Amino acid sequence: MNYPRDNYISDFGLIFFDIVILVIAERIREDDEILIQNLNTFNVKTIIVRNKIDQAIEDNIDEYNKPPHETISEIRKY
């Protein structure tokens, strides 16, 4: 909300970067997808880092009795 997506790349000068590392805590959201697409337009490479994997593993164990390797496989697939 504080940084409108229409101006984000230009306001922060991201077109001048060689690479952008996008750190996300859960899933990729619409704004993230738009940012990645816009960066691709300017040939800026993007790396997506998924954070809080340990929390997702714990949640899936507690809620669904799902083993850690299944949670990790699902995250990688997504």
N, C-alpha and C. Protein backbone atom coordinates (compact mmCIF):
# COMPACT_ATOMS: atom_id res chain seq x y z
N MET A 1 0.81 -1.19 0.00
CA MET A 1 0.00 0.00 0.00
C MET A 1 0.86 1.26 0.00
N ASN A 2 1.98 1.22 0.72
CA ASN A 2 2.86 2.39 0.79
C ASN A 2 3.62 2.63 -0.50
N TYR A 3 3.77 1.58 -1.29
CA TYR A 3 4.53 1.67 -2.53
C TYR A 3 3.68 1.14 -3.68
N PRO A 4 2.99 2.02 -4.39
CA PRO A 4 2.14 1.57 -5.50
C PRO A 4 2.94 0.80 -6.55
N ARG A 5 2.38 -0.31 -6.99
CA ARG A 5 3.11 -1.18 -7.92
C ARG A 5 3.38 -0.52 -9.26
N ASP A 6 2.56 0.45 -9.65
CA ASP A 6 2.76 1.11 -10.94
C ASP A 6 4.06 1.90 -10.99
N ASN A 7 4.51 2.40 -9.85
CA ASN A 7 5.71 3.24 -9.81
C ASN A 7 6.88 2.58 -9.10
N TYR A 8 6.69 1.39 -8.58
CA TYR A 8 7.69 0.77 -7.72
C TYR A 8 9.06 0.65 -8.39
N ILE A 9 9.06 0.12 -9.60
CA ILE A 9 10.33 -0.10 -10.30
C ILE A 9 11.05 1.22 -10.56
N SER A 10 10.33 2.21 -11.01
CA SER A 10 10.96 3.50 -11.31
C SER A 10 11.34 4.26 -10.04
N ASP A 11 10.48 4.21 -9.02
CA ASP A 11 10.77 4.93 -7.77
C ASP A 11 12.04 4.43 -7.10
N PHE A 12 12.29 3.15 -7.20
CA PHE A 12 13.46 2.56 -6.54
C PHE A 12 14.61 2.28 -7.51
N GLY A 13 14.44 2.64 -8.77
CA GLY A 13 15.51 2.48 -9.75
C GLY A 13 15.89 1.04 -10.03
N LEU A 14 14.94 0.14 -9.93
CA LEU A 14 15.25 -1.28 -10.09
C LEU A 14 15.69 -1.65 -11.50
N ILE A 15 15.39 -0.81 -12.48
CA ILE A 15 15.82 -1.13 -13.85
C ILE A 15 17.33 -1.03 -14.01
N PHE A 16 17.99 -0.42 -13.04
CA PHE A 16 19.44 -0.27 -13.10
C PHE A 16 20.16 -1.39 -12.36
N PHE A 17 19.42 -2.30 -11.76
CA PHE A 17 20.01 -3.41 -11.01
C PHE A 17 20.36 -4.54 -11.97
N ASP A 18 21.40 -5.29 -11.64
CA ASP A 18 21.74 -6.49 -12.40
C ASP A 18 20.83 -7.65 -12.02
N ILE A 19 20.45 -7.67 -10.75
CA ILE A 19 19.62 -8.76 -10.23
C ILE A 19 18.83 -8.24 -9.04
N VAL A 20 17.64 -8.78 -8.87
CA VAL A 20 16.80 -8.46 -7.71
C VAL A 20 16.49 -9.76 -6.99
N ILE A 21 16.68 -9.79 -5.69
CA ILE A 21 16.34 -10.95 -4.88
C ILE A 21 15.03 -10.62 -4.16
N LEU A 22 14.01 -11.39 -4.48
CA LEU A 22 12.69 -11.20 -3.90
C LEU A 22 12.50 -12.23 -2.80
N VAL A 23 12.36 -11.78 -1.56
CA VAL A 23 12.18 -12.67 -0.42
C VAL A 23 10.71 -12.68 -0.05
N ILE A 24 10.11 -13.86 -0.06
CA ILE A 24 8.70 -13.99 0.27
C ILE A 24 8.55 -14.95 1.45
N ALA A 25 7.50 -14.73 2.25
CA ALA A 25 7.29 -15.56 3.43
C ALA A 25 6.33 -16.71 3.16
N GLU A 26 5.46 -16.54 2.21
CA GLU A 26 4.48 -17.59 1.95
C GLU A 26 4.45 -17.90 0.46
N ARG A 27 3.40 -17.54 -0.20
CA ARG A 27 3.30 -17.84 -1.63
C ARG A 27 3.53 -16.57 -2.43
N ILE A 28 3.74 -16.74 -3.73
CA ILE A 28 3.91 -15.59 -4.61
C ILE A 28 2.53 -14.98 -4.85
N ARG A 29 2.43 -13.70 -4.60
CA ARG A 29 1.15 -13.00 -4.75
C ARG A 29 1.12 -12.25 -6.09
N GLU A 30 -0.05 -11.71 -6.41
CA GLU A 30 -0.24 -11.02 -7.70
C GLU A 30 0.76 -9.89 -7.87
N ASP A 31 0.97 -9.09 -6.84
CA ASP A 31 1.93 -7.98 -6.94
C ASP A 31 3.35 -8.48 -7.19
N ASP A 32 3.70 -9.61 -6.59
CA ASP A 32 5.02 -10.20 -6.82
C ASP A 32 5.16 -10.62 -8.29
N GLU A 33 4.12 -11.26 -8.82
CA GLU A 33 4.15 -11.69 -10.22
C GLU A 33 4.30 -10.50 -11.16
N ILE A 34 3.58 -9.44 -10.89
CA ILE A 34 3.67 -8.25 -11.73
C ILE A 34 5.06 -7.65 -11.65
N LEU A 35 5.63 -7.59 -10.46
CA LEU A 35 6.98 -7.08 -10.29
C LEU A 35 7.98 -7.91 -11.09
N ILE A 36 7.86 -9.22 -11.00
CA ILE A 36 8.77 -10.11 -11.72
C ILE A 36 8.63 -9.92 -13.23
N GLN A 37 7.39 -9.83 -13.71
CA GLN A 37 7.16 -9.62 -15.14
C GLN A 37 7.75 -8.29 -15.61
N ASN A 38 7.56 -7.25 -14.82
CA ASN A 38 8.12 -5.94 -15.19
C ASN A 38 9.64 -5.94 -15.18
N LEU A 39 10.22 -6.62 -14.21
CA LEU A 39 11.68 -6.73 -14.17
C LEU A 39 12.19 -7.48 -15.39
N ASN A 40 11.47 -8.53 -15.79
CA ASN A 40 11.85 -9.29 -16.99
C ASN A 40 11.82 -8.41 -18.23
N THR A 41 10.87 -7.49 -18.28
CA THR A 41 10.77 -6.56 -19.41
C THR A 41 12.04 -5.75 -19.57
N PHE A 42 12.67 -5.41 -18.44
CA PHE A 42 13.90 -4.61 -18.45
C PHE A 42 15.15 -5.50 -18.36
N ASN A 43 14.98 -6.80 -18.56
CA ASN A 43 16.09 -7.78 -18.50
C ASN A 43 16.83 -7.77 -17.17
N VAL A 44 16.09 -7.54 -16.09
CA VAL A 44 16.66 -7.62 -14.74
C VAL A 44 16.36 -9.02 -14.22
N LYS A 45 17.41 -9.77 -13.91
CA LYS A 45 17.22 -11.13 -13.41
C LYS A 45 16.61 -11.08 -12.01
N THR A 46 15.80 -12.09 -11.71
CA THR A 46 15.12 -12.15 -10.43
C THR A 46 15.35 -13.51 -9.79
N ILE A 47 15.70 -13.49 -8.51
CA ILE A 47 15.80 -14.71 -7.72
C ILE A 47 14.72 -14.61 -6.65
N ILE A 48 13.95 -15.68 -6.51
CA ILE A 48 12.91 -15.72 -5.49
C ILE A 48 13.38 -16.63 -4.36
N VAL A 49 13.37 -16.09 -3.15
CA VAL A 49 13.79 -16.83 -1.97
C VAL A 49 12.56 -17.04 -1.09
N ARG A 50 12.27 -18.29 -0.78
CA ARG A 50 11.12 -18.62 0.08
C ARG A 50 11.62 -18.68 1.51
N ASN A 51 11.07 -17.83 2.35
CA ASN A 51 11.46 -17.70 3.74
C ASN A 51 10.45 -18.45 4.62
N LYS A 52 10.80 -18.70 5.84
CA LYS A 52 9.93 -19.31 6.85
C LYS A 52 9.49 -20.73 6.51
N ILE A 53 10.37 -21.48 5.90
CA ILE A 53 10.07 -22.88 5.58
C ILE A 53 9.82 -23.66 6.87
N ASP A 54 10.60 -23.36 7.89
CA ASP A 54 10.44 -24.08 9.15
C ASP A 54 9.04 -23.89 9.73
N GLN A 55 8.48 -22.70 9.58
CA GLN A 55 7.13 -22.45 10.08
C GLN A 55 6.09 -23.24 9.28
N ALA A 56 6.26 -23.31 7.98
CA ALA A 56 5.34 -24.08 7.14
C ALA A 56 5.40 -25.56 7.50
N ILE A 57 6.60 -26.08 7.76
CA ILE A 57 6.76 -27.48 8.15
C ILE A 57 6.05 -27.74 9.47
N GLU A 58 6.28 -26.86 10.46
CA GLU A 58 5.63 -27.02 11.76
C GLU A 58 4.11 -26.97 11.63
N ASP A 59 3.61 -26.02 10.87
CA ASP A 59 2.16 -25.88 10.70
C ASP A 59 1.56 -27.13 10.08
N ASN A 60 2.22 -27.68 9.06
CA ASN A 60 1.70 -28.88 8.40
C ASN A 60 1.79 -30.12 9.29
N ILE A 61 2.77 -30.17 10.15
CA ILE A 61 2.85 -31.28 11.11
C ILE A 61 1.70 -31.17 12.11
N ASP A 62 1.51 -29.96 12.66
CA ASP A 62 0.47 -29.75 13.67
C ASP A 62 -0.94 -29.93 13.11
N GLU A 63 -1.18 -29.37 11.92
CA GLU A 63 -2.54 -29.36 11.37
C GLU A 63 -2.90 -30.62 10.58
N TYR A 64 -1.93 -31.18 9.86
CA TYR A 64 -2.25 -32.28 8.95
C TYR A 64 -1.43 -33.55 9.19
N ASN A 65 -0.55 -33.51 10.21
CA ASN A 65 0.33 -34.64 10.50
C ASN A 65 1.13 -35.03 9.26
N LYS A 66 1.54 -34.01 8.50
CA LYS A 66 2.26 -34.22 7.24
C LYS A 66 3.77 -34.19 7.52
N PRO A 67 4.51 -35.17 7.02
CA PRO A 67 5.96 -35.19 7.25
C PRO A 67 6.66 -34.01 6.55
N PRO A 68 7.78 -33.58 7.09
CA PRO A 68 8.49 -32.42 6.53
C PRO A 68 8.83 -32.54 5.05
N HIS A 69 9.25 -33.72 4.60
CA HIS A 69 9.65 -33.85 3.19
C HIS A 69 8.47 -33.59 2.24
N GLU A 70 7.25 -33.90 2.66
CA GLU A 70 6.09 -33.62 1.81
C GLU A 70 5.84 -32.11 1.70
N THR A 71 5.98 -31.41 2.81
CA THR A 71 5.81 -29.96 2.79
C THR A 71 6.84 -29.31 1.88
N ILE A 72 8.08 -29.73 2.00
CA ILE A 72 9.15 -29.17 1.18
C ILE A 72 8.89 -29.47 -0.31
N SER A 73 8.45 -30.68 -0.61
CA SER A 73 8.14 -31.04 -2.01
C SER A 73 7.03 -30.16 -2.57
N GLU A 74 6.00 -29.92 -1.76
CA GLU A 74 4.89 -29.07 -2.22
C GLU A 74 5.36 -27.64 -2.48
N ILE A 75 6.20 -27.13 -1.59
CA ILE A 75 6.70 -25.75 -1.76
C ILE A 75 7.55 -25.66 -3.01
N ARG A 76 8.41 -26.61 -3.24
CA ARG A 76 9.25 -26.61 -4.44
C ARG A 76 8.41 -26.71 -5.71
N LYS A 77 7.38 -27.54 -5.65
CA LYS A 77 6.50 -27.71 -6.81
C LYS A 77 5.78 -26.40 -7.14
N TYR A 78 5.31 -25.73 -6.10
CA TYR A 78 4.59 -24.48 -6.30
C TYR A 78 5.50 -23.42 -6.85
